[in-house]
Amino acid sequence: MNNQQTLRLLKGVMVLGILLITGGHYIVSYSPLPELWGIKGLLLGASMMAIGLALSLPTKMYLTFVFVKRENTRRRAS
């Protein structure tokens, strides 16, 4: 995989993580699912948020490092 494909994959994983965080928050806060399912509904929402955080944070750090490296190479070229 080249650098562009890796970046595209990481951006997709980051978006998936953010969607999971948002969906988990919706389930816990606004959905009637925790009332219907009890603790299983809360665990579902919390699990979605935890997996979303696990997916989104490392990719954000990697993308930040890539963008900083790209900015430094542009400054050196100027």
N, C-alpha and C. Protein backbone atom coordinates (compact mmCIF):
# COMPACT_ATOMS: atom_id res chain seq x y z
N MET A 1 0.83 -1.18 0.00
CA MET A 1 0.00 0.00 0.00
C MET A 1 0.88 1.24 0.00
N ASN A 2 0.54 2.18 -0.84
CA ASN A 2 1.32 3.40 -0.84
C ASN A 2 0.77 4.37 0.20
N ASN A 3 1.38 5.52 0.30
CA ASN A 3 1.05 6.48 1.35
C ASN A 3 -0.37 7.02 1.19
N GLN A 4 -0.80 7.28 -0.04
CA GLN A 4 -2.15 7.81 -0.27
C GLN A 4 -3.22 6.81 0.14
N GLN A 5 -3.01 5.54 -0.18
CA GLN A 5 -3.98 4.52 0.20
C GLN A 5 -4.03 4.34 1.71
N THR A 6 -2.88 4.42 2.36
CA THR A 6 -2.85 4.32 3.81
C THR A 6 -3.59 5.48 4.45
N LEU A 7 -3.37 6.67 3.95
CA LEU A 7 -4.07 7.84 4.49
C LEU A 7 -5.58 7.72 4.27
N ARG A 8 -5.99 7.26 3.11
CA ARG A 8 -7.42 7.10 2.84
C ARG A 8 -8.03 6.06 3.78
N LEU A 9 -7.31 4.96 4.01
CA LEU A 9 -7.80 3.94 4.93
C LEU A 9 -7.91 4.47 6.35
N LEU A 10 -6.89 5.21 6.80
CA LEU A 10 -6.92 5.76 8.15
C LEU A 10 -8.03 6.80 8.32
N LYS A 11 -8.25 7.60 7.30
CA LYS A 11 -9.36 8.56 7.37
C LYS A 11 -10.70 7.84 7.45
N GLY A 12 -10.84 6.77 6.70
CA GLY A 12 -12.08 5.98 6.77
C GLY A 12 -12.29 5.35 8.13
N VAL A 13 -11.22 4.83 8.72
CA VAL A 13 -11.30 4.25 10.07
C VAL A 13 -11.65 5.33 11.08
N MET A 14 -11.09 6.51 10.91
CA MET A 14 -11.38 7.61 11.83
C MET A 14 -12.85 8.03 11.72
N VAL A 15 -13.38 8.11 10.51
CA VAL A 15 -14.79 8.46 10.32
C VAL A 15 -15.68 7.38 10.92
N LEU A 16 -15.32 6.11 10.72
CA LEU A 16 -16.08 5.02 11.31
C LEU A 16 -16.08 5.12 12.83
N GLY A 17 -14.94 5.47 13.42
CA GLY A 17 -14.86 5.64 14.86
C GLY A 17 -15.75 6.76 15.35
N ILE A 18 -15.76 7.87 14.64
CA ILE A 18 -16.61 9.00 15.03
C ILE A 18 -18.09 8.64 14.90
N LEU A 19 -18.44 7.89 13.86
CA LEU A 19 -19.82 7.45 13.71
C LEU A 19 -20.23 6.50 14.83
N LEU A 20 -19.33 5.62 15.24
CA LEU A 20 -19.63 4.72 16.36
C LEU A 20 -19.80 5.49 17.66
N ILE A 21 -18.97 6.50 17.88
CA ILE A 21 -19.11 7.33 19.09
C ILE A 21 -20.47 8.03 19.08
N THR A 22 -20.83 8.60 17.95
CA THR A 22 -22.10 9.31 17.83
C THR A 22 -23.28 8.35 18.01
N GLY A 23 -23.21 7.20 17.38
CA GLY A 23 -24.29 6.21 17.51
C GLY A 23 -24.43 5.69 18.93
N GLY A 24 -23.31 5.44 19.59
CA GLY A 24 -23.35 5.00 20.98
C GLY A 24 -23.93 6.05 21.90
N HIS A 25 -23.58 7.30 21.66
CA HIS A 25 -24.14 8.39 22.47
C HIS A 25 -25.65 8.50 22.25
N TYR A 26 -26.07 8.34 21.02
CA TYR A 26 -27.51 8.38 20.73
C TYR A 26 -28.24 7.26 21.46
N ILE A 27 -27.68 6.05 21.41
CA ILE A 27 -28.33 4.91 22.07
C ILE A 27 -28.44 5.13 23.57
N VAL A 28 -27.38 5.62 24.19
CA VAL A 28 -27.39 5.80 25.64
C VAL A 28 -28.27 6.98 26.04
N SER A 29 -28.23 8.07 25.30
CA SER A 29 -28.88 9.30 25.74
C SER A 29 -30.32 9.46 25.25
N TYR A 30 -30.61 9.12 24.02
CA TYR A 30 -31.89 9.49 23.43
C TYR A 30 -32.77 8.30 23.04
N SER A 31 -32.19 7.16 22.81
CA SER A 31 -32.94 6.01 22.35
C SER A 31 -33.65 5.32 23.52
N PRO A 32 -34.81 4.71 23.26
CA PRO A 32 -35.48 3.95 24.33
C PRO A 32 -34.87 2.55 24.52
N LEU A 33 -33.81 2.25 23.80
CA LEU A 33 -33.21 0.92 23.86
C LEU A 33 -32.73 0.53 25.26
N PRO A 34 -32.06 1.42 26.01
CA PRO A 34 -31.66 1.01 27.36
C PRO A 34 -32.85 0.71 28.28
N GLU A 35 -33.96 1.38 28.08
CA GLU A 35 -35.14 1.09 28.89
C GLU A 35 -35.75 -0.26 28.51
N LEU A 36 -35.69 -0.59 27.23
CA LEU A 36 -36.27 -1.85 26.78
C LEU A 36 -35.36 -3.04 27.09
N TRP A 37 -34.06 -2.88 26.87
CA TRP A 37 -33.12 -3.97 27.05
C TRP A 37 -32.46 -3.98 28.42
N GLY A 38 -32.61 -2.92 29.18
CA GLY A 38 -31.97 -2.85 30.49
C GLY A 38 -30.48 -2.60 30.36
N ILE A 39 -29.71 -3.34 31.14
CA ILE A 39 -28.26 -3.14 31.16
C ILE A 39 -27.62 -3.50 29.82
N LYS A 40 -28.24 -4.41 29.08
CA LYS A 40 -27.68 -4.78 27.77
C LYS A 40 -27.73 -3.60 26.79
N GLY A 41 -28.76 -2.78 26.89
CA GLY A 41 -28.84 -1.59 26.04
C GLY A 41 -27.76 -0.59 26.37
N LEU A 42 -27.50 -0.41 27.68
CA LEU A 42 -26.42 0.48 28.08
C LEU A 42 -25.06 -0.06 27.66
N LEU A 43 -24.88 -1.37 27.81
CA LEU A 43 -23.61 -1.97 27.39
C LEU A 43 -23.40 -1.85 25.89
N LEU A 44 -24.47 -1.96 25.12
CA LEU A 44 -24.34 -1.79 23.67
C LEU A 44 -23.87 -0.39 23.32
N GLY A 45 -24.51 0.63 23.90
CA GLY A 45 -24.10 2.01 23.63
C GLY A 45 -22.69 2.30 24.11
N ALA A 46 -22.36 1.81 25.31
CA ALA A 46 -21.02 2.04 25.85
C ALA A 46 -19.96 1.31 25.03
N SER A 47 -20.28 0.12 24.56
CA SER A 47 -19.34 -0.63 23.72
C SER A 47 -19.10 0.07 22.40
N MET A 48 -20.17 0.61 21.82
CA MET A 48 -20.01 1.35 20.57
C MET A 48 -19.11 2.56 20.77
N MET A 49 -19.30 3.28 21.88
CA MET A 49 -18.47 4.45 22.14
C MET A 49 -17.02 4.04 22.40
N ALA A 50 -16.80 2.95 23.12
CA ALA A 50 -15.43 2.51 23.41
C ALA A 50 -14.71 2.07 22.14
N ILE A 51 -15.39 1.33 21.29
CA ILE A 51 -14.77 0.90 20.03
C ILE A 51 -14.52 2.11 19.14
N GLY A 52 -15.45 3.05 19.13
CA GLY A 52 -15.27 4.27 18.34
C GLY A 52 -14.06 5.06 18.80
N LEU A 53 -13.88 5.17 20.12
CA LEU A 53 -12.69 5.86 20.63
C LEU A 53 -11.42 5.12 20.25
N ALA A 54 -11.46 3.80 20.36
CA ALA A 54 -10.28 3.01 20.01
C ALA A 54 -9.93 3.17 18.54
N LEU A 55 -10.93 3.31 17.69
CA LEU A 55 -10.67 3.47 16.26
C LEU A 55 -10.23 4.88 15.90
N SER A 56 -10.76 5.88 16.57
CA SER A 56 -10.52 7.25 16.13
C SER A 56 -9.24 7.85 16.68
N LEU A 57 -8.85 7.55 17.90
CA LEU A 57 -7.71 8.25 18.49
C LEU A 57 -6.35 7.91 17.87
N PRO A 58 -5.99 6.65 17.69
CA PRO A 58 -4.67 6.39 17.08
C PRO A 58 -4.55 6.93 15.66
N THR A 59 -5.62 6.88 14.90
CA THR A 59 -5.53 7.38 13.54
C THR A 59 -5.38 8.89 13.52
N LYS A 60 -6.01 9.57 14.47
CA LYS A 60 -5.84 11.02 14.55
C LYS A 60 -4.39 11.37 14.86
N MET A 61 -3.78 10.64 15.76
CA MET A 61 -2.38 10.90 16.09
C MET A 61 -1.49 10.64 14.88
N TYR A 62 -1.72 9.54 14.16
CA TYR A 62 -0.90 9.23 13.00
C TYR A 62 -1.08 10.29 11.92
N LEU A 63 -2.32 10.69 11.67
CA LEU A 63 -2.55 11.71 10.65
C LEU A 63 -1.93 13.04 11.04
N THR A 64 -1.93 13.37 12.33
CA THR A 64 -1.27 14.59 12.79
C THR A 64 0.22 14.53 12.50
N PHE A 65 0.84 13.39 12.78
CA PHE A 65 2.27 13.25 12.49
C PHE A 65 2.55 13.36 11.00
N VAL A 66 1.70 12.78 10.18
CA VAL A 66 1.89 12.85 8.73
C VAL A 66 1.75 14.28 8.24
N PHE A 67 0.74 15.00 8.74
CA PHE A 67 0.54 16.39 8.30
C PHE A 67 1.67 17.30 8.78
N VAL A 68 2.18 17.07 9.98
CA VAL A 68 3.31 17.87 10.47
C VAL A 68 4.55 17.59 9.63
N LYS A 69 4.78 16.33 9.30
CA LYS A 69 5.92 15.98 8.46
C LYS A 69 5.80 16.62 7.08
N ARG A 70 4.59 16.59 6.52
CA ARG A 70 4.36 17.20 5.20
C ARG A 70 4.60 18.70 5.25
N GLU A 71 4.13 19.35 6.33
CA GLU A 71 4.32 20.79 6.47
C GLU A 71 5.80 21.14 6.61
N ASN A 72 6.54 20.32 7.34
CA ASN A 72 7.98 20.57 7.50
C ASN A 72 8.72 20.42 6.18
N THR A 73 8.34 19.44 5.37
CA THR A 73 9.00 19.29 4.07
C THR A 73 8.65 20.44 3.13
N ARG A 74 7.44 20.96 3.23
CA ARG A 74 7.06 22.12 2.40
C ARG A 74 7.83 23.36 2.82
N ARG A 75 8.03 23.53 4.12
CA ARG A 75 8.78 24.70 4.59
C ARG A 75 10.24 24.62 4.18
N ARG A 76 10.80 23.42 4.19
CA ARG A 76 12.19 23.26 3.77
C ARG A 76 12.35 23.52 2.28
N ALA A 77 11.34 23.16 1.50
CA ALA A 77 11.41 23.36 0.05
C ALA A 77 11.27 24.84 -0.32
N SER A 78 10.61 25.61 0.53
CA SER A 78 10.39 27.03 0.22
C SER A 78 11.60 27.87 0.47
